[in-house]
């Protein structure tokens, strides 16, 4: 699954275009490297998202196509 689609489906970012812009601006790291919107995401990947001063680290658990609100949280786990 593409990174921008994963961010939208998991509801970490509200819209896919916003996810793409975040990737283009270097605000998303995938396994410690700057990620492009088209990068492939696999279970086990670690994503770091920069929201202003706040940084969020998550580990990808599952890739679910068309995940509803109730299933979106199953796609990742927060890391400290």
Protein backbone atom coordinates (compact mmCIF):
# COMPACT_ATOMS: atom_id res chain seq x y z
CA UNK A 1 0.00 0.00 0.00
CA UNK A 2 1.26 3.50 -0.80
CA UNK A 3 2.33 5.62 2.17
CA UNK A 4 -0.12 8.46 1.47
CA UNK A 5 -3.00 5.97 1.23
CA UNK A 6 -1.93 4.24 4.46
CA UNK A 7 -1.87 7.56 6.33
CA UNK A 8 -5.39 8.33 5.13
CA UNK A 9 -6.85 4.85 5.70
CA UNK A 10 -5.35 4.65 9.20
CA UNK A 11 -6.72 8.13 9.90
CA UNK A 12 -3.35 9.43 11.04
CA UNK A 13 -3.88 12.20 8.46
CA UNK A 14 -7.34 13.27 7.41
CA UNK A 15 -6.94 13.57 3.62
CA UNK A 16 -4.67 11.86 1.10
CA UNK A 17 -3.62 15.17 -0.48
CA UNK A 18 -2.51 16.45 2.94
CA UNK A 19 -0.56 13.20 3.45
CA UNK A 20 1.16 13.71 0.09
CA UNK A 21 2.08 17.29 0.97
CA UNK A 22 3.51 16.16 4.33
CA UNK A 23 5.69 13.63 2.51
CA UNK A 24 6.82 16.22 -0.04
CA UNK A 25 7.83 18.59 2.78
CA UNK A 26 9.92 15.89 4.51
CA UNK A 27 7.65 15.57 7.55
CA UNK A 28 7.27 11.80 7.29
CA UNK A 29 10.10 9.35 7.99
CA UNK A 30 9.81 5.67 7.13
CA UNK A 31 12.30 3.46 8.98
CA UNK A 32 14.46 6.52 9.69
CA UNK A 33 14.58 7.78 6.09
CA UNK A 34 12.60 10.55 4.40
CA UNK A 35 9.65 8.94 2.66
CA UNK A 36 7.90 9.74 -0.59
CA UNK A 37 4.13 9.55 -0.94
CA UNK A 38 4.46 6.56 -3.28
CA UNK A 39 6.71 4.55 -0.95
CA UNK A 40 5.40 1.06 -0.22
CA UNK A 41 4.40 0.47 3.41
CA UNK A 42 4.74 -3.01 4.91
CA UNK A 43 3.78 -4.41 8.33
CA UNK A 44 6.66 -3.79 10.74
CA UNK A 45 7.66 -0.43 9.24
CA UNK A 46 8.18 2.43 11.70
CA UNK A 47 6.75 5.80 10.65
CA UNK A 48 7.59 9.14 12.26
CA UNK A 49 5.19 12.00 11.61
CA UNK A 50 6.03 15.61 12.45
CA UNK A 51 3.01 17.75 13.32
CA UNK A 52 4.57 21.13 14.12
CA UNK A 53 6.49 20.62 17.37
CA UNK A 54 4.86 17.25 18.05
CA UNK A 55 6.36 14.02 16.72
CA UNK A 56 4.40 10.77 16.53
CA UNK A 57 6.03 7.36 16.05
CA UNK A 58 3.93 4.40 14.98
CA UNK A 59 4.62 0.82 13.93
CA UNK A 60 2.58 -0.52 11.04
CA UNK A 61 0.66 -3.64 12.10
CA UNK A 62 -1.70 -4.34 9.21
CA UNK A 63 -2.74 -2.98 5.82
CA UNK A 64 -6.52 -2.78 5.54
CA UNK A 65 -8.14 -1.49 2.36
CA UNK A 66 -11.14 0.78 3.01
CA UNK A 67 -10.79 0.56 6.79
CA UNK A 68 -13.71 2.05 8.63
CA UNK A 69 -13.37 4.24 11.69
CA UNK A 70 -13.58 1.23 14.01
CA UNK A 71 -10.86 -0.74 12.17
CA UNK A 72 -8.44 2.11 11.40
CA UNK A 73 -6.80 1.90 14.84
CA UNK A 74 -5.91 -1.75 14.17
CA UNK A 75 -3.53 -0.68 11.40
CA UNK A 76 -0.82 0.73 13.71
CA UNK A 77 0.45 0.95 17.27
CA UNK A 78 1.85 4.06 18.94
CA UNK A 79 5.48 3.89 20.06
CA UNK A 80 7.21 5.89 22.79
